[in-house]
C-alpha atoms as a PDB file:
ATOM      1  CA  MET A   1      75.502 106.287  81.302  1.00  0.00           C
ATOM      2  CA  ALA A   2      78.356 108.342  79.803  1.00  0.00           C
ATOM      3  CA  ARG A   3      77.553 111.764  78.482  1.00  0.00           C
ATOM      4  CA  PRO A   4      78.231 112.349  74.763  1.00  0.00           C
ATOM      5  CA  GLN A   5      80.785 115.147  75.398  1.00  0.00           C
ATOM      6  CA  TYR A   6      82.903 112.783  77.524  1.00  0.00           C
ATOM      7  CA  LEU A   7      82.878 110.204  74.736  1.00  0.00           C
ATOM      8  CA  VAL A   8      84.010 112.854  72.252  1.00  0.00           C
ATOM      9  CA  ILE A   9      86.863 113.951  74.557  1.00  0.00           C
ATOM     10  CA  LEU A  10      87.912 110.337  75.157  1.00  0.00           C
ATOM     11  CA  THR A  11      87.809 109.536  71.441  1.00  0.00           C
ATOM     12  CA  LEU A  12      89.787 112.679  70.579  1.00  0.00           C
ATOM     13  CA  THR A  13      92.403 111.931  73.264  1.00  0.00           C
ATOM     14  CA  CYS A  14      92.853 108.364  72.018  1.00  0.00           C
ATOM     15  CA  ALA A  15      93.093 109.515  68.411  1.00  0.00           C
ATOM     16  CA  LEU A  16      95.761 112.118  69.219  1.00  0.00           C
ATOM     17  CA  TRP A  17      97.825 109.943  71.581  1.00  0.00           C
ATOM     18  CA  ARG A  18     101.169 108.934  70.076  1.00  0.00           C
ATOM     19  CA  ASN A  19     103.964 106.890  71.552  1.00  0.00           C
ATOM     20  CA  THR A  20     107.459 108.250  71.295  1.00  0.00           C
ATOM     21  CA  ASP A  21     110.469 106.092  72.097  1.00  0.00           C
ATOM     22  CA  ALA A  22     109.308 104.615  75.409  1.00  0.00           C
ATOM     23  CA  TRP A  23     111.373 101.609  76.465  1.00  0.00           C
ATOM     24  CA  ALA A  24     112.657  99.670  79.447  1.00  0.00           C
ATOM     25  CA  THR A  25     115.721  97.493  80.052  1.00  0.00           C
ATOM     26  CA  LEU A  26     116.900  95.125  82.750  1.00  0.00           C
ATOM     27  CA  GLU A  27     120.560  94.146  83.045  1.00  0.00           C
ATOM     28  CA  PRO A  28     121.906  91.554  85.507  1.00  0.00           C
ATOM     29  CA  LEU A  29     124.191  92.534  88.372  1.00  0.00           C
ATOM     30  CA  SER A  30     127.945  92.509  87.870  1.00  0.00           C
ATOM     31  CA  SER A  31     130.349  91.401  90.554  1.00  0.00           C
ATOM     32  CA  GLU A  32     134.018  91.529  91.374  1.00  0.00           C
ATOM     33  CA  THR A  33     136.040  89.660  93.943  1.00  0.00           C
ATOM     34  CA  THR A  34     138.923  91.248  95.817  1.00  0.00           C
ATOM     35  CA  MET A  35     141.289  89.316  98.037  1.00  0.00           C
ATOM     36  CA  TYR A  36     141.880  90.723 101.509  1.00  0.00           C
ATOM     37  CA  GLY A  37     144.803  88.614 102.658  1.00  0.00           C
ATOM     38  CA  THR A  38     143.506  85.084 102.214  1.00  0.00           C
ATOM     39  CA  ARG A  39     139.838  86.104 102.402  1.00  0.00           C
ATOM     40  CA  PRO A  40     137.934  86.788  99.143  1.00  0.00           C
ATOM     41  CA  VAL A  41     135.278  89.530  99.275  1.00  0.00           C
ATOM     42  CA  THR A  42     132.749  89.672  96.456  1.00  0.00           C
ATOM     43  CA  VAL A  43     130.860  92.902  95.775  1.00  0.00           C
ATOM     44  CA  GLN A  44     127.833  93.098  93.490  1.00  0.00           C
ATOM     45  CA  TYR A  45     126.960  96.262  91.590  1.00  0.00           C
ATOM     46  CA  CYS A  46     125.235  97.567  88.484  1.00  0.00           C
ATOM     47  CA  GLU A  47     127.357  98.716  85.593  1.00  0.00           C
ATOM     48  CA  TRP A  48     126.063 101.773  83.777  1.00  0.00           C
ATOM     49  CA  GLU A  49     128.078 103.508  81.044  1.00  0.00           C
ATOM     50  CA  GLY A  50     131.328 102.227  82.550  1.00  0.00           C
ATOM     51  CA  HIS A  51     130.431 103.297  86.108  1.00  0.00           C
ATOM     52  CA  LYS A  52     129.869 101.000  89.074  1.00  0.00           C
ATOM     53  CA  MET A  53     126.567 101.882  90.737  1.00  0.00           C
ATOM     54  CA  MET A  54     125.690 100.665  94.236  1.00  0.00           C
ATOM     55  CA  ILE A  55     122.633  98.511  94.851  1.00  0.00           C
ATOM     56  CA  GLY A  56     119.896 100.834  96.120  1.00  0.00           C
ATOM     57  CA  SER A  57     120.927 103.817  94.000  1.00  0.00           C
ATOM     58  CA  SER A  58     118.750 105.499  91.387  1.00  0.00           C
ATOM     59  CA  TRP A  59     119.263 108.395  88.987  1.00  0.00           C
ATOM     60  CA  LYS A  60     117.916 110.235  85.967  1.00  0.00           C
ATOM     61  CA  THR A  61     120.137 110.735  82.927  1.00  0.00           C
ATOM     62  CA  THR A  62     120.472 113.864  80.799  1.00  0.00           C
ATOM     63  CA  ASP A  63     118.272 112.072  78.238  1.00  0.00           C
ATOM     64  CA  CYS A  64     115.495 111.817  80.881  1.00  0.00           C
ATOM     65  CA  VAL A  65     115.980 108.069  81.322  1.00  0.00           C
ATOM     66  CA  THR A  66     115.290 106.876  84.874  1.00  0.00           C
ATOM     67  CA  CYS A  67     117.569 104.101  86.163  1.00  0.00           C
ATOM     68  CA  SER A  68     117.792 102.172  89.398  1.00  0.00           C
ATOM     69  CA  CYS A  69     120.106  99.465  90.708  1.00  0.00           C
ATOM     70  CA  THR A  70     118.402  96.769  92.790  1.00  0.00           C
ATOM     71  CA  GLU A  71     119.147  93.199  93.887  1.00  0.00           C
ATOM     72  CA  ASN A  72     117.526  92.182  90.589  1.00  0.00           C
ATOM     73  CA  GLY A  73     119.960  94.243  88.494  1.00  0.00           C
ATOM     74  CA  LEU A  74     119.972  97.511  86.584  1.00  0.00           C
ATOM     75  CA  SER A  75     116.624  98.698  85.278  1.00  0.00           C
ATOM     76  CA  CYS A  76     116.192 101.772  83.134  1.00  0.00           C
ATOM     77  CA  TYR A  77     113.089 103.146  81.488  1.00  0.00           C
ATOM     78  CA  SER A  78     112.081 106.099  79.431  1.00  0.00           C
ATOM     79  CA  ASN A  79     108.693 107.760  79.567  1.00  0.00           C
ATOM     80  CA  GLY A  80     107.593 108.260  76.057  1.00  0.00           C
ATOM     81  CA  ALA A  81     103.839 108.380  75.722  1.00  0.00           C
ATOM     82  CA  TYR A  82     102.620 111.940  75.396  1.00  0.00           C
ATOM     83  CA  PRO A  83      99.492 113.364  73.811  1.00  0.00           C
ATOM     84  CA  MET A  84     100.237 115.163  70.570  1.00  0.00           C
ATOM     85  CA  ILE A  85      97.706 117.885  69.899  1.00  0.00           C
ATOM     86  CA  PRO A  86      97.546 119.655  66.522  1.00  0.00           C
ATOM     87  CA  GLY A  87      99.028 123.142  66.765  1.00  0.00           C
ATOM     88  CA  CYS A  88     101.075 122.229  69.842  1.00  0.00           C
ATOM     89  CA  GLN A  89     104.729 121.321  70.309  1.00  0.00           C
ATOM     90  CA  LEU A  90     106.214 119.188  73.104  1.00  0.00           C
ATOM     91  CA  LEU A  91     109.165 120.728  74.982  1.00  0.00           C
ATOM     92  CA  VAL A  92     111.339 118.879  77.514  1.00  0.00           C
ATOM     93  CA  ASP A  93     113.701 120.969  79.646  1.00  0.00           C
ATOM     94  CA  GLU A  94     116.947 120.037  81.447  1.00  0.00           C
ATOM     95  CA  THR A  95     114.986 118.819  84.497  1.00  0.00           C
ATOM     96  CA  CYS A  96     112.883 116.533  82.242  1.00  0.00           C
ATOM     97  CA  ALA A  97     109.774 118.636  82.829  1.00  0.00           C
ATOM     98  CA  VAL A  98     107.418 118.411  79.864  1.00  0.00           C
ATOM     99  CA  GLN A  99     105.347 121.273  78.514  1.00  0.00           C
ATOM    100  CA  LEU A 100     103.008 121.664  75.565  1.00  0.00           C
ATOM    101  CA  VAL A 101     103.455 125.011  73.820  1.00  0.00           C
ATOM    102  CA  ASP A 102     101.884 126.668  70.819  1.00  0.00           C
ATOM    103  CA  SER A 103     103.816 125.499  67.752  1.00  0.00           C
ATOM    104  CA  SER A 104     103.679 128.954  66.172  1.00  0.00           C
ATOM    105  CA  ASP A 105     104.733 130.731  69.399  1.00  0.00           C
ATOM    106  CA  PRO A 106     106.774 128.535  71.801  1.00  0.00           C
ATOM    107  CA  TRP A 107     106.482 131.223  74.517  1.00  0.00           C
ATOM    108  CA  GLN A 108     102.738 130.565  74.788  1.00  0.00           C
ATOM    109  CA  ASP A 109     101.229 127.539  76.515  1.00  0.00           C
ATOM    110  CA  CYS A 110      99.012 125.346  74.427  1.00  0.00           C
ATOM    111  CA  GLY A 111      96.482 125.074  77.241  1.00  0.00           C
ATOM    112  CA  TYR A 112      96.624 121.276  77.520  1.00  0.00           C
ATOM    113  CA  ASP A 113      99.355 120.770  80.141  1.00  0.00           C
ATOM    114  CA  SER A 114      97.031 118.765  82.374  1.00  0.00           C
ATOM    115  CA  ALA A 115      96.880 116.097  79.640  1.00  0.00           C
ATOM    116  CA  ILE A 116     100.605 115.381  79.931  1.00  0.00           C
ATOM    117  CA  THR A 117     101.258 112.319  82.065  1.00  0.00           C
ATOM    118  CA  GLY A 118     104.999 111.813  81.643  1.00  0.00           C
END
């Protein structure tokens, strides 16, 4: 049987959980054919922001979007579900690390970093 304090924590976490712009996309592969003498060679790739990305490659954008190019095409997703706790502010740095800080003093941790799952 669950203890009452665990139910309160679970209820509070669910009540404070907010989704930010989490999303996912899947784009089909692109291909181009080049003639080598009389022999055509077709290469498949993912097209991302005007760049040709090799199948098997993956990367994270400056907007913290994770993309990968597979035989199924280009897939990109954004983490976006973070707990929002009153009195705290969510900070995301250039490496996409997420930290909850005190909203009145961003130099102080909010004390809830273990609740961040993104």
